[in-house]
Protein backbone atom coordinates (compact mmCIF):
# COMPACT_ATOMS: atom_id res chain seq x y z
CA UNK A 1 78.55 103.56 86.53
CA UNK A 2 82.13 102.84 85.62
CA UNK A 3 85.21 104.68 86.89
CA UNK A 4 88.81 104.08 85.90
CA UNK A 5 91.82 104.89 88.02
CA UNK A 6 95.54 104.33 88.44
CA UNK A 7 96.88 103.99 91.99
CA UNK A 8 100.65 103.80 92.40
CA UNK A 9 100.99 102.68 88.78
CA UNK A 10 98.31 99.98 89.08
CA UNK A 11 95.42 100.52 86.66
CA UNK A 12 91.93 99.62 87.74
CA UNK A 13 88.26 99.88 87.03
CA UNK A 14 85.27 100.11 89.36
CA UNK A 15 81.82 99.37 87.96
CA UNK A 16 78.64 99.52 90.00
CA UNK A 17 75.06 98.67 89.20
CA UNK A 18 72.29 100.37 91.13
CA UNK A 19 68.64 99.46 91.50
CA UNK A 20 65.89 101.75 90.25
CA UNK A 21 65.80 103.48 93.65
CA UNK A 22 69.54 104.20 93.49
CA UNK A 23 70.79 101.56 95.93
CA UNK A 24 74.02 99.78 95.00
CA UNK A 25 73.24 96.19 93.95
CA UNK A 26 76.49 95.03 92.36
CA UNK A 27 80.16 96.00 92.66
CA UNK A 28 82.87 94.97 90.21
CA UNK A 29 86.38 96.11 91.18
CA UNK A 30 89.27 95.13 88.89
CA UNK A 31 92.92 95.96 89.49
CA UNK A 32 96.25 94.38 88.68
CA UNK A 33 97.15 92.09 85.83
CA UNK A 34 95.07 89.05 84.91
CA UNK A 35 95.80 86.06 87.20
CA UNK A 36 97.80 88.18 89.66
CA UNK A 37 97.25 88.01 93.41
CA UNK A 38 95.96 91.58 93.39
CA UNK A 39 93.46 90.77 90.63
CA UNK A 40 92.23 87.76 92.58
CA UNK A 41 91.86 89.70 95.81
CA UNK A 42 89.94 92.54 94.15
CA UNK A 43 87.65 89.98 92.50
CA UNK A 44 87.05 88.33 95.89
CA UNK A 45 86.35 91.71 97.51
CA UNK A 46 83.83 92.55 94.78
CA UNK A 47 82.09 89.20 95.22
CA UNK A 48 81.95 89.59 99.00
CA UNK A 49 80.49 93.10 98.81
CA UNK A 50 77.92 92.15 96.16
CA UNK A 51 76.87 89.06 98.14
CA UNK A 52 76.48 91.12 101.32
CA UNK A 53 74.39 93.74 99.51
CA UNK A 54 72.12 91.06 98.05
CA UNK A 55 71.73 89.51 101.51
CA UNK A 56 70.46 92.81 102.87
CA UNK A 57 73.57 94.50 104.26
CA UNK A 58 73.25 98.28 104.14
CA UNK A 59 75.49 99.88 101.51
CA UNK A 60 77.07 101.96 104.29
CA UNK A 61 78.97 98.88 105.50
CA UNK A 62 81.49 99.61 102.72
CA UNK A 63 82.49 102.72 104.71
CA UNK A 64 84.47 100.34 106.94
CA UNK A 65 87.08 100.28 104.15
CA UNK A 66 87.67 104.05 104.42
CA UNK A 67 91.19 104.98 105.45
CA UNK A 68 92.47 101.39 105.34
CA UNK A 69 96.17 101.44 104.45
CA UNK A 70 97.90 99.03 102.13
CA UNK A 71 99.54 99.16 98.71
CA UNK A 72 98.77 100.25 96.14
CA UNK A 73 98.07 103.69 97.57
CA UNK A 74 98.49 107.25 96.35
CA UNK A 75 97.15 109.60 93.71
CA UNK A 76 94.37 108.00 91.65
CA UNK A 77 93.98 110.13 88.55
CA UNK A 78 90.26 110.28 89.40
CA UNK A 79 89.13 113.90 89.85
CA UNK A 80 86.40 112.88 92.30
CA UNK A 81 88.72 110.74 94.46
CA UNK A 82 92.18 112.28 93.99
CA UNK A 83 93.96 110.22 96.65
CA UNK A 84 93.36 106.80 98.22
CA UNK A 85 95.18 105.05 101.04
CA UNK A 86 94.29 101.65 99.50
CA UNK A 87 91.99 100.03 96.95
CA UNK A 88 89.41 99.60 99.72
CA UNK A 89 89.62 103.30 100.52
CA UNK A 90 89.19 104.17 96.83
CA UNK A 91 86.20 101.83 96.60
CA UNK A 92 84.49 103.36 99.64
CA UNK A 93 85.14 106.93 98.53
CA UNK A 94 83.97 106.28 94.97
CA UNK A 95 80.80 104.50 96.09
CA UNK A 96 80.03 107.43 98.35
CA UNK A 97 80.53 109.82 95.44
CA UNK A 98 78.46 107.75 92.98
CA UNK A 99 75.69 106.83 95.43
CA UNK A 100 75.64 109.45 98.23
CA UNK A 101 72.19 108.46 99.50
CA UNK A 102 73.29 104.85 100.09
CA UNK A 103 76.46 105.66 102.01
CA UNK A 104 77.13 107.30 105.32
CA UNK A 105 80.04 109.65 105.63
CA UNK A 106 82.20 108.64 108.62
């Protein structure tokens, strides 16, 4: 599944790949301009989450990013996640929306 968003003027894209039983197996979060610090950090976050999932971490561990606060934050333009307090918050909310059986609502 792929979702696009704009948070505080920063465009982004979140793509997830799920296994046949619906569990999240891969996360690809992109935000910011190519070679920017933000782009590098979102790439690192995606790699860390995907590595943890492949190592057996439950998908619900992403819920730890809910309500984290840092910029960019604000309206997202995504009807399913209208507001996010950070990219991590957007990621956690969107994963919960896309894969409700693999996430726990805090």
